[in-house]
Amino acid sequence: MKKILILGAGLSTNSLIEYLLNNAGENNWHITVADMDLDTAKSKVNNHDCGSAIRFDISDTESSNNTISENDVVISMLPASMHSMVATACIKYKKPMLTASYASDEIKAFDKAAKEAGIPIYMELGLDPGIDHMSAMKIINRIKESGGDLTSFYSFTGGLVAPEYDNNPWNYKFTWNPRNVVMAGNGVSQYIHSRRYKYIPYHRLFDRIISRKILQYGDFEVYPNRDSLKYRGIYNLEDIPTMYRGTVRRPGYAKAWSVFVSLGMTDDSYTLEDSENMTYRQFINSFLRYEPNVPVEIKLADYCKAASDPVVMDKLRWLGIFDERKIGLKNATPAQILQKLLIEKWSMDPEDKDMIIMQHEFKYRLDGVEKMVVSAMAYQGRNQTDTAMAITVGLPLAIATKLFITGQYSHTGVVLPTGKEMYEPILNELETFGITFEENDYLVG
């Protein structure tokens, strides 16, 4: 019997745990779900004959090491900051490790030790990163095998509310971690266009958007992700003239969000005095010039060009940013205050469903002809538990785990799912769950 240990039982683990439990009987597996909250772990196992739940604390080194050493495969769904502790134990006890998280520099540093231990550390097996890699490499390799020369690659993903539940002026609701949304784009975004490097500081990021139509879902806007340049190496496209990755939102979102960025309301580096007694109107006014007889709305429109747009101002009013209502959050940073307000207004309603949108655009030259492939995917969640985000993060990781345990993978070291032997069977099985890409070919020019 193979014993599979899943560390963490959070929001993104439902489809992962369900898939492995459903496949456990025929494959002679036992699934242990480990979490700080034992009741949460038990609820995910749901009394399945092939599963069990335990309390787990990665900071309890002796206990956590014992737990890892007693299992055959370890799947880490813990916060990314904890993966290095898991990897250290997995290398010590020669236990393969899989996760959906980014391969940070800290994790990449384990490559040699993992190879010496004879184990793989599979990273980036979720949605983004994960499905984005696999679906992109499928087409990149196909173009290369046909003799094509890739000249441009655009790729973008968005977690959005499904169209029928899109009922607020921002055309956006939180479908994942609100803090990640508030802090999105901090730092400098960089990409390459026609062999010219582009660097966009955070305060201008939401001014630099591109527009796209995606599948039957209409118009979207895209702003650049933090670092597109590193993907040249990941995809073996070091010499490609154009490489751009971005985040998808509905039109008008970026312009309105740029108001918060311009004011400094997404700053998380300092706290505001007496923030619990401050009103939201006082909060936004604290970033504007001192003119007590001029309405906040007028000062804001004068200070920030985007706010002079009536459509943007309507979005801000709808949020309640001008309300004389106490914040009630002590020693809060601007970002924390903004996040509290947004959670009140952007949270999903109980009946809402989310949607994942992903699109890749490849331009290439073949036999002197400029061609283009557009590959797009949209996937809607089933409910507030089985969300599109949770399913697309958990399922590819679960499938990869099955493929590894059944002997179809034989890697060692830190591994991403960019090899054909990895991504083909995962993508093929994802199609059986309705996670499919529509491809269209075009002549350019």
Protein backbone atom coordinates (compact mmCIF):
# COMPACT_ATOMS: atom_id res chain seq x y z
CA MET A 1 0.00 0.00 0.00
CA LYS A 2 1.22 3.46 -0.92
CA LYS A 3 0.70 6.11 1.73
CA ILE A 4 0.04 9.67 0.48
CA LEU A 5 0.33 12.57 2.91
CA ILE A 6 -1.45 15.84 2.12
CA LEU A 7 -0.22 18.72 4.25
CA GLY A 8 -2.90 21.41 4.55
CA ALA A 9 -6.65 21.21 4.06
CA GLY A 10 -7.43 24.71 2.85
CA LEU A 11 -9.74 26.04 0.14
CA SER A 12 -7.74 24.68 -2.79
CA THR A 13 -7.57 21.07 -1.58
CA ASN A 14 -11.13 19.87 -2.19
CA SER A 15 -10.69 18.50 -5.71
CA LEU A 16 -7.19 17.23 -4.87
CA ILE A 17 -8.40 15.19 -1.90
CA GLU A 18 -11.57 14.02 -3.64
CA TYR A 19 -9.66 12.82 -6.70
CA LEU A 20 -7.06 10.89 -4.69
CA LEU A 21 -9.68 9.29 -2.45
CA ASN A 22 -11.74 8.28 -5.48
CA ASN A 23 -8.67 6.60 -6.99
CA ALA A 24 -7.36 5.14 -3.73
CA GLY A 25 -9.28 1.87 -3.68
CA GLU A 26 -8.26 0.56 -7.09
CA ASN A 27 -4.65 1.67 -6.61
CA ASN A 28 -4.24 0.48 -3.01
CA TRP A 29 -3.51 3.93 -1.58
CA HIS A 30 -4.13 5.41 1.84
CA ILE A 31 -4.62 9.18 1.98
CA THR A 32 -3.76 11.10 5.15
CA VAL A 33 -4.96 14.69 5.33
CA ALA A 34 -2.97 16.71 7.86
CA ASP A 35 -3.89 20.17 9.08
CA MET A 36 -3.54 22.43 12.12
CA ASP A 37 -7.34 22.20 12.41
CA LEU A 38 -8.20 18.54 12.87
CA ASP A 39 -11.91 19.11 12.28
CA THR A 40 -11.18 20.68 8.90
CA ALA A 41 -9.00 17.72 7.93
CA LYS A 42 -11.71 15.27 9.04
CA SER A 43 -14.35 17.10 7.02
CA LYS A 44 -12.23 16.75 3.87
CA VAL A 45 -11.73 13.00 4.39
CA ASN A 46 -15.46 12.61 5.14
CA ASN A 47 -15.09 9.14 6.70
CA HIS A 48 -13.72 7.62 3.48
CA ASP A 49 -12.46 4.06 3.93
CA CYS A 50 -9.12 4.92 2.31
CA GLY A 51 -8.53 8.14 4.24
CA SER A 52 -7.64 9.46 7.65
CA ALA A 53 -7.12 12.86 9.24
CA ILE A 54 -4.47 14.05 11.68
CA ARG A 55 -3.47 17.28 13.33
CA PHE A 56 -0.21 18.63 11.88
CA ASP A 57 2.04 21.54 12.77
CA ILE A 58 5.10 21.99 10.56
CA SER A 59 6.77 24.07 13.27
CA ASP A 60 6.78 21.01 15.57
CA THR A 61 9.89 19.60 13.92
CA GLU A 62 10.03 16.23 15.66
CA SER A 63 6.37 15.39 15.14
CA SER A 64 6.20 16.70 11.57
CA ASN A 65 9.36 14.84 10.58
CA ASN A 66 7.96 11.61 12.01
CA THR A 67 4.76 12.08 10.04
CA ILE A 68 6.62 12.74 6.79
CA SER A 69 8.96 9.79 7.33
CA GLU A 70 6.01 7.40 7.73
CA ASN A 71 4.53 8.19 4.30
CA ASP A 72 5.58 7.41 0.74
CA VAL A 73 4.62 10.65 -1.04
CA VAL A 74 4.13 14.15 0.39
CA ILE A 75 1.87 16.80 -1.16
CA SER A 76 2.35 20.22 0.39
CA MET A 77 -0.62 22.58 0.31
CA LEU A 78 0.84 24.67 3.12
CA PRO A 79 1.63 28.37 2.64
CA ALA A 80 4.55 28.88 0.26
CA SER A 81 6.79 30.12 3.08
CA MET A 82 6.62 26.65 4.68
CA HIS A 83 7.61 24.59 1.64
CA SER A 84 11.31 24.76 2.43
CA MET A 85 10.70 23.07 5.79
CA VAL A 86 8.73 20.34 4.05
CA ALA A 87 11.41 19.95 1.37
CA THR A 88 14.13 19.65 4.00
CA ALA A 89 12.29 16.79 5.69
CA CYS A 90 11.43 15.12 2.38
CA ILE A 91 15.09 15.12 1.35
CA LYS A 92 16.17 13.83 4.75
CA TYR A 93 13.79 10.87 4.56
CA LYS A 94 13.91 10.49 0.75
CA LYS A 95 10.22 11.19 0.25
CA PRO A 96 8.98 12.65 -3.06
CA MET A 97 7.27 16.03 -2.72
CA LEU A 98 4.65 17.69 -4.92
CA THR A 99 3.01 21.11 -4.71
CA ALA A 100 1.15 23.71 -6.76
CA SER A 101 3.31 26.63 -5.61
CA TYR A 102 5.99 28.60 -7.45
CA ALA A 103 9.52 27.24 -7.44
CA SER A 104 11.16 30.03 -5.46
CA ASP A 105 14.92 30.53 -5.46
CA GLU A 106 14.92 28.95 -2.00
CA ILE A 107 13.24 25.81 -3.36
CA LYS A 108 15.43 25.69 -6.48
CA ALA A 109 18.43 25.56 -4.16
CA PHE A 110 17.25 22.09 -3.07
CA ASP A 111 17.76 20.68 -6.60
CA LYS A 112 21.17 19.12 -6.00
CA ALA A 113 20.22 17.66 -2.62
CA ALA A 114 17.00 16.21 -4.04
CA LYS A 115 18.92 14.57 -6.88
CA GLU A 116 21.43 13.12 -4.43
CA ALA A 117 18.51 11.76 -2.37
CA GLY A 118 17.02 10.31 -5.54
CA ILE A 119 13.69 12.09 -5.15
CA PRO A 120 11.71 14.65 -7.16
CA ILE A 121 10.35 17.93 -5.82
CA TYR A 122 7.56 18.67 -8.29
CA MET A 123 6.61 22.34 -8.27
CA GLU A 124 4.09 24.56 -10.09
CA LEU A 125 1.46 21.85 -10.65
CA GLY A 126 -1.62 24.03 -10.18
CA LEU A 127 -3.32 26.61 -12.38
CA ASP A 128 -1.01 29.57 -12.70
CA PRO A 129 1.63 28.30 -12.26
CA GLY A 130 0.81 24.91 -13.71
CA ILE A 131 -1.85 24.63 -16.40
CA ASP A 132 -0.40 27.78 -17.96
CA HIS A 133 2.98 26.03 -18.36
CA MET A 134 1.52 22.81 -19.68
CA SER A 135 -0.89 24.33 -22.20
CA ALA A 136 1.77 26.75 -23.43
CA MET A 137 4.48 24.13 -23.83
CA LYS A 138 2.10 21.89 -25.77
CA ILE A 139 1.88 24.52 -28.51
CA ILE A 140 5.46 25.80 -28.23
CA ASN A 141 6.81 22.30 -28.81
CA ARG A 142 4.38 21.68 -31.64
CA ILE A 143 5.50 24.87 -33.41
CA LYS A 144 9.18 24.01 -32.91
CA GLU A 145 8.68 20.44 -34.14
CA SER A 146 7.06 21.78 -37.33
CA GLY A 147 10.13 23.95 -37.95
CA GLY A 148 8.50 27.20 -36.85
CA ASP A 149 10.45 30.05 -35.29
CA LEU A 150 8.58 31.69 -32.40
CA THR A 151 8.66 35.48 -32.49
CA SER A 152 6.07 36.46 -29.87
CA PHE A 153 4.32 34.92 -26.89
CA TYR A 154 1.56 36.60 -24.90
CA SER A 155 -0.10 34.77 -22.03
CA PHE A 156 -2.64 35.97 -19.50
CA THR A 157 -4.93 34.55 -16.83
CA GLY A 158 -7.69 35.91 -14.64
CA GLY A 159 -9.85 34.69 -11.78
CA LEU A 160 -13.22 36.42 -12.21
CA VAL A 161 -16.83 36.09 -11.25
CA ALA A 162 -18.84 34.14 -13.84
CA PRO A 163 -20.77 36.46 -16.22
CA GLU A 164 -24.25 35.66 -14.90
CA TYR A 165 -23.16 36.68 -11.39
CA ASP A 166 -21.26 39.79 -12.49
CA ASN A 167 -23.52 42.40 -10.90
CA ASN A 168 -21.39 45.22 -9.53
CA PRO A 169 -19.88 48.31 -11.23
CA TRP A 170 -16.34 46.97 -10.98
CA ASN A 171 -17.25 43.71 -12.76
CA TYR A 172 -15.09 41.98 -10.20
CA LYS A 173 -15.42 39.93 -7.01
CA PHE A 174 -12.88 38.16 -4.84
CA THR A 175 -12.52 34.58 -6.02
CA TRP A 176 -9.27 33.95 -4.15
CA ASN A 177 -7.07 35.59 -1.52
CA PRO A 178 -8.14 39.27 -1.16
CA ARG A 179 -4.71 40.33 0.06
CA ASN A 180 -3.10 39.07 -3.13
CA VAL A 181 -5.47 41.27 -5.13
CA VAL A 182 -4.78 44.37 -3.05
CA MET A 183 -1.03 43.85 -3.27
CA ALA A 184 -1.01 42.76 -6.94
CA GLY A 185 1.59 44.43 -9.10
CA ASN A 186 3.72 45.88 -6.31
CA GLY A 187 7.24 46.36 -7.55
CA VAL A 188 8.41 46.78 -11.12
CA SER A 189 6.80 44.81 -13.95
CA GLN A 190 9.09 43.77 -16.77
CA TYR A 191 8.71 42.17 -20.17
CA ILE A 192 10.27 42.30 -23.62
CA HIS A 193 8.65 43.65 -26.77
CA SER A 194 10.37 43.46 -30.19
CA ARG A 195 13.70 42.89 -28.39
CA ARG A 196 13.26 46.03 -26.31
CA TYR A 197 13.05 45.59 -22.56
CA LYS A 198 10.14 47.32 -20.84
CA TYR A 199 10.02 48.21 -17.15
CA ILE A 200 6.84 49.61 -15.63
CA PRO A 201 6.89 51.01 -12.07
CA TYR A 202 3.93 50.13 -9.90
CA HIS A 203 2.45 53.64 -9.92
CA ARG A 204 2.06 53.42 -13.73
CA LEU A 205 1.20 49.74 -14.05
CA PHE A 206 -2.55 50.18 -14.35
CA ASP A 207 -2.12 52.85 -17.01
CA ARG A 208 -0.40 50.34 -19.31
CA ILE A 209 -3.09 47.88 -20.31
CA ILE A 210 -3.87 45.97 -23.48
CA SER A 211 -7.35 44.96 -24.69
CA ARG A 212 -8.52 41.53 -25.80
CA LYS A 213 -11.64 39.61 -26.74
CA ILE A 214 -11.60 36.12 -25.24
CA LEU A 215 -13.79 33.30 -26.51
CA GLN A 216 -17.49 34.17 -26.30
CA TYR A 217 -17.03 36.22 -23.14
CA GLY A 218 -16.43 39.57 -24.79
CA ASP A 219 -13.98 42.32 -23.93
CA PHE A 220 -11.24 42.21 -21.32
CA GLU A 221 -8.21 44.28 -20.34
CA VAL A 222 -4.83 42.93 -19.34
CA TYR A 223 -2.11 44.50 -17.19
CA PRO A 224 1.43 43.05 -17.11
CA ASN A 225 2.60 40.65 -14.42
CA ARG A 226 5.65 41.40 -12.34
CA ASP A 227 8.30 39.40 -14.22
CA SER A 228 7.64 38.01 -17.69
CA LEU A 229 11.33 37.78 -18.56
CA LYS A 230 12.08 34.68 -16.46
CA TYR A 231 9.62 32.65 -18.53
CA ARG A 232 11.98 32.75 -21.51
CA GLY A 233 14.17 30.29 -19.64
CA ILE A 234 11.29 28.21 -18.27
CA TYR A 235 9.86 27.73 -21.78
CA ASN A 236 13.26 27.45 -23.50
CA LEU A 237 12.58 30.62 -25.48
CA GLU A 238 15.68 32.59 -24.50
CA ASP A 239 15.90 34.39 -27.88
CA ILE A 240 12.22 35.20 -28.38
CA PRO A 241 11.79 38.90 -29.30
CA THR A 242 8.51 39.38 -27.40
CA MET A 243 7.42 37.79 -24.11
CA TYR A 244 4.52 39.15 -22.07
CA ARG A 245 2.45 37.66 -19.27
CA GLY A 246 -0.46 39.46 -17.71
CA THR A 247 -3.56 39.44 -15.52
CA VAL A 248 -7.09 39.62 -16.95
CA ARG A 249 -9.82 41.96 -15.73
CA ARG A 250 -12.97 43.43 -17.24
CA PRO A 251 -12.67 46.82 -19.00
CA GLY A 252 -12.53 49.82 -16.67
CA TYR A 253 -11.11 47.97 -13.68
CA ALA A 254 -7.51 49.14 -14.15
CA LYS A 255 -8.41 52.82 -14.53
CA ALA A 256 -10.44 52.81 -11.32
CA TRP A 257 -7.85 50.77 -9.42
CA SER A 258 -5.15 53.23 -10.48
CA VAL A 259 -6.81 55.81 -8.20
CA PHE A 260 -5.93 53.72 -5.14
CA VAL A 261 -2.39 53.22 -6.41
CA SER A 262 -1.90 56.93 -7.12
CA LEU A 263 -3.05 57.86 -3.63
CA GLY A 264 -0.91 55.23 -1.91
CA MET A 265 -3.85 53.29 -0.51
CA THR A 266 -2.26 49.93 -1.37
CA ASP A 267 0.81 50.67 0.76
CA ASP A 268 1.37 48.08 3.49
CA SER A 269 4.56 49.53 4.97
CA TYR A 270 3.18 51.82 7.71
CA THR A 271 0.17 52.18 10.00
CA LEU A 272 -2.27 55.07 10.34
CA GLU A 273 -2.75 56.84 13.66
CA ASP A 274 -6.12 56.21 15.34
CA SER A 275 -7.26 54.18 12.34
CA GLU A 276 -10.06 52.47 14.27
CA ASN A 277 -11.85 55.79 14.80
CA MET A 278 -11.19 57.15 11.32
CA THR A 279 -14.03 57.10 8.78
CA TYR A 280 -13.54 55.93 5.21
CA ARG A 281 -14.06 59.50 4.04
CA GLN A 282 -11.36 60.70 6.41
CA PHE A 283 -9.15 57.86 5.21
CA ILE A 284 -9.22 58.92 1.57
CA ASN A 285 -9.02 62.58 2.57
CA SER A 286 -5.81 61.88 4.50
CA PHE A 287 -4.02 61.42 1.16
CA LEU A 288 -5.30 64.71 -0.30
CA ARG A 289 -4.35 68.36 0.21
CA TYR A 290 -5.65 70.25 3.23
CA GLU A 291 -8.60 72.30 2.07
CA PRO A 292 -11.38 71.77 4.65
CA ASN A 293 -13.97 73.70 2.65
CA VAL A 294 -13.52 71.70 -0.57
CA PRO A 295 -15.40 68.38 -0.88
CA VAL A 296 -13.23 65.27 -0.89
CA GLU A 297 -14.61 64.19 -4.27
CA ILE A 298 -13.48 67.43 -5.92
CA LYS A 299 -10.03 67.28 -4.36
CA LEU A 300 -9.66 63.70 -5.50
CA ALA A 301 -10.68 64.52 -9.08
CA ASP A 302 -8.18 67.39 -9.13
CA TYR A 303 -5.37 65.24 -7.73
CA CYS A 304 -5.95 62.12 -9.79
CA LYS A 305 -6.91 62.38 -13.44
CA ALA A 306 -8.60 58.96 -13.48
CA ALA A 307 -10.97 60.03 -10.70
CA SER A 308 -12.27 62.88 -12.88
CA ASP A 309 -13.96 60.25 -15.04
CA PRO A 310 -17.63 60.02 -13.92
CA VAL A 311 -17.62 56.24 -14.47
CA VAL A 312 -14.63 55.84 -12.17
CA MET A 313 -16.18 58.15 -9.59
CA ASP A 314 -19.34 56.04 -9.63
CA LYS A 315 -17.24 52.94 -8.93
CA LEU A 316 -15.60 54.67 -5.97
CA ARG A 317 -18.90 55.88 -4.56
CA TRP A 318 -20.38 52.40 -4.85
CA LEU A 319 -17.50 51.02 -2.77
CA GLY A 320 -18.33 53.44 0.04
CA ILE A 321 -14.92 55.10 0.11
CA PHE A 322 -16.56 58.49 0.72
CA ASP A 323 -18.83 57.27 3.53
CA GLU A 324 -18.69 58.80 7.01
CA ARG A 325 -18.54 55.32 8.51
CA LYS A 326 -15.90 54.23 11.00
CA ILE A 327 -13.26 51.81 9.78
CA GLY A 328 -12.99 50.03 13.12
CA LEU A 329 -9.55 48.54 12.39
CA LYS A 330 -6.83 49.32 14.91
CA ASN A 331 -3.23 50.10 13.90
CA ALA A 332 -4.06 49.39 10.27
CA THR A 333 -1.99 50.00 7.16
CA PRO A 334 -3.61 51.68 4.17
CA ALA A 335 -3.66 48.34 2.35
CA GLN A 336 -5.42 46.65 5.27
CA ILE A 337 -8.07 49.36 5.40
CA LEU A 338 -8.67 49.14 1.66
CA GLN A 339 -8.85 45.35 1.87
CA LYS A 340 -11.45 45.52 4.67
CA LEU A 341 -13.66 47.79 2.58
CA LEU A 342 -13.27 45.67 -0.54
CA ILE A 343 -14.14 42.45 1.29
CA GLU A 344 -17.43 44.05 2.31
CA LYS A 345 -18.27 44.93 -1.30
CA TRP A 346 -16.46 42.37 -3.47
CA SER A 347 -17.15 39.13 -1.61
CA MET A 348 -18.99 36.45 -3.55
CA ASP A 349 -22.66 35.94 -2.73
CA PRO A 350 -23.63 32.41 -1.64
CA GLU A 351 -25.08 31.50 -5.03
CA ASP A 352 -22.23 33.03 -7.07
CA LYS A 353 -19.86 31.01 -9.23
CA ASP A 354 -16.37 31.99 -10.30
CA MET A 355 -14.64 31.62 -13.67
CA ILE A 356 -11.06 31.14 -14.79
CA ILE A 357 -10.01 32.75 -18.08
CA MET A 358 -6.68 31.90 -19.72
CA GLN A 359 -5.39 32.80 -23.17
CA HIS A 360 -2.10 32.22 -24.97
CA GLU A 361 -1.11 33.97 -28.21
CA PHE A 362 1.83 32.64 -30.24
CA LYS A 363 3.27 34.29 -33.34
CA TYR A 364 5.78 32.37 -35.40
CA ARG A 365 7.44 32.25 -38.81
CA LEU A 366 7.21 29.07 -40.87
CA ASP A 367 8.49 28.76 -44.45
CA GLY A 368 8.58 32.53 -44.77
CA VAL A 369 4.97 32.94 -43.65
CA GLU A 370 3.93 34.77 -40.45
CA LYS A 371 1.37 32.75 -38.51
CA MET A 372 -0.44 32.95 -35.18
CA VAL A 373 -2.07 30.48 -32.80
CA VAL A 374 -4.56 31.61 -30.14
CA SER A 375 -5.36 29.08 -27.42
CA ALA A 376 -8.01 29.99 -24.83
CA MET A 377 -9.72 28.32 -21.91
CA ALA A 378 -12.65 29.32 -19.72
CA TYR A 379 -13.85 27.21 -16.81
CA GLN A 380 -16.65 27.93 -14.34
CA GLY A 381 -16.86 26.68 -10.78
CA ARG A 382 -19.70 24.55 -9.49
CA ASN A 383 -20.38 26.39 -6.24
CA GLN A 384 -18.64 28.26 -3.42
CA THR A 385 -16.81 25.12 -2.32
CA ASP A 386 -15.89 23.60 -5.65
CA THR A 387 -14.75 26.84 -7.23
CA ALA A 388 -13.08 27.06 -10.62
CA MET A 389 -9.96 28.31 -8.86
CA ALA A 390 -9.86 25.43 -6.39
CA ILE A 391 -10.55 22.81 -9.06
CA THR A 392 -7.94 24.08 -11.50
CA VAL A 393 -5.33 24.31 -8.73
CA GLY A 394 -6.06 20.92 -7.16
CA LEU A 395 -6.85 18.66 -10.11
CA PRO A 396 -3.59 18.87 -12.09
CA LEU A 397 -1.66 18.31 -8.88
CA ALA A 398 -3.78 15.25 -8.08
CA ILE A 399 -3.36 13.83 -11.58
CA ALA A 400 0.40 14.38 -11.44
CA THR A 401 0.50 12.55 -8.10
CA LYS A 402 -1.30 9.56 -9.61
CA LEU A 403 1.01 9.52 -12.62
CA PHE A 404 4.08 9.62 -10.39
CA ILE A 405 2.93 6.89 -8.02
CA THR A 406 1.94 4.61 -10.90
CA GLY A 407 5.43 4.89 -12.36
CA GLN A 408 4.82 7.17 -15.33
CA TYR A 409 7.27 9.81 -14.04
CA SER A 410 10.84 9.11 -12.96
CA HIS A 411 12.41 12.51 -12.29
CA THR A 412 14.75 13.65 -9.55
CA GLY A 413 15.54 17.17 -8.39
CA VAL A 414 13.31 20.23 -8.63
CA VAL A 415 10.97 19.70 -11.59
CA LEU A 416 8.41 21.89 -13.40
CA PRO A 417 5.71 20.41 -15.68
CA THR A 418 7.23 21.68 -18.93
CA GLY A 419 8.31 18.32 -20.37
CA LYS A 420 6.02 16.54 -22.83
CA GLU A 421 6.07 13.36 -20.76
CA MET A 422 4.56 15.35 -17.90
CA TYR A 423 2.09 17.72 -19.49
CA GLU A 424 0.51 15.47 -22.15
CA PRO A 425 -1.18 12.97 -19.80
CA ILE A 426 -2.20 15.72 -17.37
CA LEU A 427 -3.80 17.86 -20.07
CA ASN A 428 -5.50 14.81 -21.58
CA GLU A 429 -7.10 13.90 -18.27
CA LEU A 430 -8.05 17.50 -17.49
CA GLU A 431 -10.10 17.46 -20.69
CA THR A 432 -12.26 14.70 -19.20
CA PHE A 433 -13.16 17.19 -16.45
CA GLY A 434 -14.10 19.89 -18.95
CA ILE A 435 -10.88 21.88 -18.66
CA THR A 436 -10.18 22.32 -22.36
CA PHE A 437 -8.50 24.84 -24.66
CA GLU A 438 -9.97 26.12 -27.89
CA GLU A 439 -7.31 26.72 -30.53
CA ASN A 440 -7.51 28.92 -33.62
CA ASP A 441 -4.87 29.49 -36.30
CA TYR A 442 -4.41 32.72 -38.26
CA LEU A 443 -2.19 34.23 -40.92
CA VAL A 444 -0.54 37.45 -39.73
CA GLY A 445 -0.65 40.54 -41.90
